[in-house]
Amino acid sequence: MSLQLTLLRFAFDALDLNRVQASHLPRNPASGRVMEKVGMVRDGLYRERYLKGEMYENVVEYAVLRRDWASQAG
């Protein structure tokens, strides 16, 4: 089992969370693919959310809900 799946299992089972979210920069699409692989869904794009150096960066947001996790793990 991957570290990402282990973390999601801990979040939903031990911490009893309803939602887990994560984000990545659009210039790193591999991170988005990892999130999708573990069942996360793209929630949206935050335009110019973070100032990094002299430039504002967009951020892509992903999330998975408890009910979605339960149906996938099922």
Protein backbone atom coordinates (compact mmCIF):
# COMPACT_ATOMS: atom_id res chain seq x y z
CA MET A 1 0.00 0.00 0.00
CA SER A 2 1.33 3.44 -0.90
CA LEU A 3 2.11 6.11 1.65
CA GLN A 4 -0.69 8.26 0.22
CA LEU A 5 -3.27 5.53 0.74
CA THR A 6 -1.97 4.89 4.25
CA LEU A 7 -2.35 8.58 5.07
CA LEU A 8 -5.89 8.68 3.71
CA ARG A 9 -6.84 5.58 5.67
CA PHE A 10 -5.46 7.18 8.84
CA ALA A 11 -7.30 10.44 8.13
CA PHE A 12 -10.68 8.76 7.68
CA ASP A 13 -10.41 5.86 10.13
CA ALA A 14 -8.32 7.18 13.02
CA LEU A 15 -8.95 10.93 12.80
CA ASP A 16 -12.57 10.57 11.65
CA LEU A 17 -12.20 13.37 9.09
CA ASN A 18 -14.87 14.03 6.48
CA ARG A 19 -12.61 15.64 3.88
CA VAL A 20 -8.94 15.51 2.96
CA GLN A 21 -7.54 18.05 0.55
CA ALA A 22 -4.22 18.68 -1.12
CA SER A 23 -2.88 21.06 -3.72
CA HIS A 24 -0.12 21.34 -6.28
CA LEU A 25 1.29 23.88 -8.68
CA PRO A 26 0.08 23.52 -12.28
CA ARG A 27 3.68 23.29 -13.49
CA ASN A 28 3.92 19.96 -11.64
CA PRO A 29 1.13 17.83 -13.16
CA ALA A 30 2.69 14.60 -11.84
CA SER A 31 1.52 15.56 -8.35
CA GLY A 32 -2.05 15.84 -9.65
CA ARG A 33 -1.81 12.38 -11.17
CA VAL A 34 -0.74 10.95 -7.81
CA MET A 35 -3.74 12.59 -6.13
CA GLU A 36 -6.10 11.21 -8.76
CA LYS A 37 -4.54 7.75 -8.45
CA VAL A 38 -5.50 7.59 -4.75
CA GLY A 39 -9.07 8.72 -5.43
CA MET A 40 -8.88 12.47 -5.02
CA VAL A 41 -10.93 14.68 -7.35
CA ARG A 42 -9.91 18.05 -8.72
CA ASP A 43 -11.92 20.72 -6.91
CA GLY A 44 -10.63 23.75 -8.74
CA LEU A 45 -7.94 26.26 -9.52
CA TYR A 46 -6.96 29.11 -7.24
CA ARG A 47 -5.50 31.81 -9.44
CA GLU A 48 -2.40 33.57 -8.15
CA ARG A 49 -2.87 32.13 -4.67
CA TYR A 50 0.73 32.17 -3.45
CA LEU A 51 3.55 34.64 -3.87
CA LYS A 52 6.69 32.68 -4.68
CA GLY A 53 9.69 34.92 -5.04
CA GLU A 54 8.61 37.75 -7.30
CA MET A 55 5.77 35.87 -8.97
CA TYR A 56 2.27 34.80 -7.98
CA GLU A 57 1.54 31.11 -8.57
CA ASN A 58 -1.72 29.36 -9.37
CA VAL A 59 -2.63 26.33 -7.27
CA VAL A 60 -4.72 23.29 -8.25
CA GLU A 61 -6.85 21.92 -5.39
CA TYR A 62 -7.85 18.25 -5.00
CA ALA A 63 -10.01 16.59 -2.35
CA VAL A 64 -11.62 13.31 -1.36
CA LEU A 65 -14.66 12.96 0.88
CA ARG A 66 -15.27 10.21 3.41
CA ARG A 67 -18.25 8.84 1.45
CA ASP A 68 -16.17 8.67 -1.74
CA TRP A 69 -13.32 6.97 0.12
CA ALA A 70 -15.70 4.42 1.64
CA SER A 71 -17.18 3.52 -1.74
CA GLN A 72 -13.70 3.16 -3.30
CA ALA A 73 -12.27 1.11 -0.42
CA GLY A 74 -15.44 -0.91 -0.26
